[in-house]
Every structure is written in C-alpha cells, then in structure tokens.
Amino acid sequence: MFHFKGVPPSITKKAKFVSKAYFRKSQKQQRL
C-alpha cells in the first residue's frame, strides 16, 4: 500500500494493519 522512508518496520506494519481494518469496515458499511 504505502511505504514510509526512515520509519521503523513495526510502525509501517501497524499502519498497514490499521488501513486494512479501516478498508474492511468501510466495505461492510457500504454493503449495509
């Protein structure tokens, strides 16, 4: 998705996980 330069991998992993969860949430809301 997105890669930040000079940012620890743990933070990028967290950001990816959060964005994935947010994307799933928005998809569920659209289905309703």
PDB file of N, CA and C in Angstrom:
ATOM      1  N   MET A   1       0.841  -1.189   0.000  1.00  0.00           N
ATOM      2  CA  MET A   1       0.000   0.000   0.000  1.00  0.00           C
ATOM      3  C   MET A   1       0.887   1.254   0.000  1.00  0.00           C
ATOM      4  N   PHE A   2       1.446   1.597   1.167  1.00  0.00           N
ATOM      5  CA  PHE A   2       2.340   2.752   1.198  1.00  0.00           C
ATOM      6  C   PHE A   2       3.558   2.423   2.040  1.00  0.00           C
ATOM      7  N   HIS A   3       4.700   2.969   1.664  1.00  0.00           N
ATOM      8  CA  HIS A   3       5.946   2.690   2.382  1.00  0.00           C
ATOM      9  C   HIS A   3       6.599   4.010   2.770  1.00  0.00           C
ATOM     10  N   PHE A   4       6.848   4.195   4.059  1.00  0.00           N
ATOM     11  CA  PHE A   4       7.478   5.437   4.521  1.00  0.00           C
ATOM     12  C   PHE A   4       8.986   5.242   4.631  1.00  0.00           C
ATOM     13  N   LYS A   5       9.736   6.226   4.189  1.00  0.00           N
ATOM     14  CA  LYS A   5      11.206   6.128   4.272  1.00  0.00           C
ATOM     15  C   LYS A   5      11.661   6.629   5.634  1.00  0.00           C
ATOM     16  N   GLY A   6      12.569   5.905   6.258  1.00  0.00           N
ATOM     17  CA  GLY A   6      13.085   6.335   7.552  1.00  0.00           C
ATOM     18  C   GLY A   6      12.117   6.051   8.688  1.00  0.00           C
ATOM     19  N   VAL A   7      11.171   5.137   8.464  1.00  0.00           N
ATOM     20  CA  VAL A   7      10.222   4.787   9.534  1.00  0.00           C
ATOM     21  C   VAL A   7      10.412   3.318   9.895  1.00  0.00           C
ATOM     22  N   PRO A   8      10.473   2.986  11.185  1.00  0.00           N
ATOM     23  CA  PRO A   8      10.655   1.594  11.611  1.00  0.00           C
ATOM     24  C   PRO A   8       9.601   0.685  11.000  1.00  0.00           C
ATOM     25  N   PRO A   9       9.966  -0.546  10.639  1.00  0.00           N
ATOM     26  CA  PRO A   9       9.030  -1.505  10.019  1.00  0.00           C
ATOM     27  C   PRO A   9       7.817  -1.771  10.909  1.00  0.00           C
ATOM     28  N   SER A  10       8.028  -1.760  12.229  1.00  0.00           N
ATOM     29  CA  SER A  10       6.910  -2.052  13.141  1.00  0.00           C
ATOM     30  C   SER A  10       5.795  -1.031  12.949  1.00  0.00           C
ATOM     31  N   ILE A  11       6.157   0.227  12.755  1.00  0.00           N
ATOM     32  CA  ILE A  11       5.138   1.275  12.585  1.00  0.00           C
ATOM     33  C   ILE A  11       4.426   1.098  11.246  1.00  0.00           C
ATOM     34  N   THR A  12       5.195   0.802  10.197  1.00  0.00           N
ATOM     35  CA  THR A  12       4.578   0.614   8.878  1.00  0.00           C
ATOM     36  C   THR A  12       3.650  -0.590   8.921  1.00  0.00           C
ATOM     37  N   LYS A  13       4.067  -1.627   9.655  1.00  0.00           N
ATOM     38  CA  LYS A  13       3.213  -2.825   9.773  1.00  0.00           C
ATOM     39  C   LYS A  13       1.906  -2.444  10.447  1.00  0.00           C
ATOM     40  N   LYS A  14       2.009  -1.653  11.511  1.00  0.00           N
ATOM     41  CA  LYS A  14       0.805  -1.220  12.235  1.00  0.00           C
ATOM     42  C   LYS A  14      -0.083  -0.393  11.311  1.00  0.00           C
ATOM     43  N   ALA A  15       0.525   0.516  10.574  1.00  0.00           N
ATOM     44  CA  ALA A  15      -0.239   1.388   9.670  1.00  0.00           C
ATOM     45  C   ALA A  15      -0.954   0.546   8.620  1.00  0.00           C
ATOM     46  N   LYS A  16      -0.253  -0.453   8.081  1.00  0.00           N
ATOM     47  CA  LYS A  16      -0.877  -1.322   7.068  1.00  0.00           C
ATOM     48  C   LYS A  16      -2.054  -2.072   7.681  1.00  0.00           C
ATOM     49  N   PHE A  17      -1.865  -2.578   8.907  1.00  0.00           N
ATOM     50  CA  PHE A  17      -2.934  -3.328   9.574  1.00  0.00           C
ATOM     51  C   PHE A  17      -4.139  -2.423   9.821  1.00  0.00           C
ATOM     52  N   VAL A  18      -3.883  -1.212  10.282  1.00  0.00           N
ATOM     53  CA  VAL A  18      -4.980  -0.269  10.564  1.00  0.00           C
ATOM     54  C   VAL A  18      -5.721   0.078   9.278  1.00  0.00           C
ATOM     55  N   SER A  19      -4.969   0.358   8.222  1.00  0.00           N
ATOM     56  CA  SER A  19      -5.613   0.727   6.945  1.00  0.00           C
ATOM     57  C   SER A  19      -6.441  -0.439   6.426  1.00  0.00           C
ATOM     58  N   LYS A  20      -5.936  -1.672   6.614  1.00  0.00           N
ATOM     59  CA  LYS A  20      -6.684  -2.855   6.155  1.00  0.00           C
ATOM     60  C   LYS A  20      -7.992  -2.975   6.932  1.00  0.00           C
ATOM     61  N   ALA A  21      -7.908  -2.815   8.244  1.00  0.00           N
ATOM     62  CA  ALA A  21      -9.109  -2.918   9.080  1.00  0.00           C
ATOM     63  C   ALA A  21     -10.098  -1.813   8.702  1.00  0.00           C
ATOM     64  N   TYR A  22      -9.597  -0.607   8.478  1.00  0.00           N
ATOM     65  CA  TYR A  22     -10.474   0.513   8.107  1.00  0.00           C
ATOM     66  C   TYR A  22     -11.143   0.235   6.766  1.00  0.00           C
ATOM     67  N   PHE A  23     -10.379  -0.333   5.819  1.00  0.00           N
ATOM     68  CA  PHE A  23     -10.931  -0.644   4.499  1.00  0.00           C
ATOM     69  C   PHE A  23     -12.044  -1.676   4.630  1.00  0.00           C
ATOM     70  N   ARG A  24     -11.823  -2.688   5.469  1.00  0.00           N
ATOM     71  CA  ARG A  24     -12.852  -3.723   5.670  1.00  0.00           C
ATOM     72  C   ARG A  24     -14.094  -3.104   6.299  1.00  0.00           C
ATOM     73  N   LYS A  25     -13.887  -2.222   7.259  1.00  0.00           N
ATOM     74  CA  LYS A  25     -15.025  -1.580   7.939  1.00  0.00           C
ATOM     75  C   LYS A  25     -15.852  -0.789   6.929  1.00  0.00           C
ATOM     76  N   SER A  26     -15.178  -0.004   6.097  1.00  0.00           N
ATOM     77  CA  SER A  26     -15.896   0.825   5.115  1.00  0.00           C
ATOM     78  C   SER A  26     -16.649  -0.068   4.136  1.00  0.00           C
ATOM     79  N   GLN A  27     -16.055  -1.194   3.764  1.00  0.00           N
ATOM     80  CA  GLN A  27     -16.731  -2.107   2.831  1.00  0.00           C
ATOM     81  C   GLN A  27     -17.999  -2.665   3.470  1.00  0.00           C
ATOM     82  N   LYS A  28     -17.902  -3.051   4.737  1.00  0.00           N
ATOM     83  CA  LYS A  28     -19.077  -3.602   5.436  1.00  0.00           C
ATOM     84  C   LYS A  28     -20.184  -2.551   5.494  1.00  0.00           C
ATOM     85  N   GLN A  29     -19.816  -1.313   5.772  1.00  0.00           N
ATOM     86  CA  GLN A  29     -20.816  -0.241   5.856  1.00  0.00           C
ATOM     87  C   GLN A  29     -21.481  -0.035   4.498  1.00  0.00           C
ATOM     88  N   GLN A  30     -20.723  -0.147   3.429  1.00  0.00           N
ATOM     89  CA  GLN A  30     -21.294   0.044   2.093  1.00  0.00           C
ATOM     90  C   GLN A  30     -22.276  -1.076   1.778  1.00  0.00           C
ATOM     91  N   ARG A  31     -21.987  -2.293   2.239  1.00  0.00           N
ATOM     92  CA  ARG A  31     -22.890  -3.421   1.970  1.00  0.00           C
ATOM     93  C   ARG A  31     -24.229  -3.188   2.657  1.00  0.00           C
ATOM     94  N   LEU A  32     -24.178  -2.611   3.863  1.00  0.00           N
ATOM     95  CA  LEU A  32     -25.426  -2.347   4.583  1.00  0.00           C
ATOM     96  C   LEU A  32     -26.147  -1.207   3.863  1.00  0.00           C
TER      97      LEU A  32
END
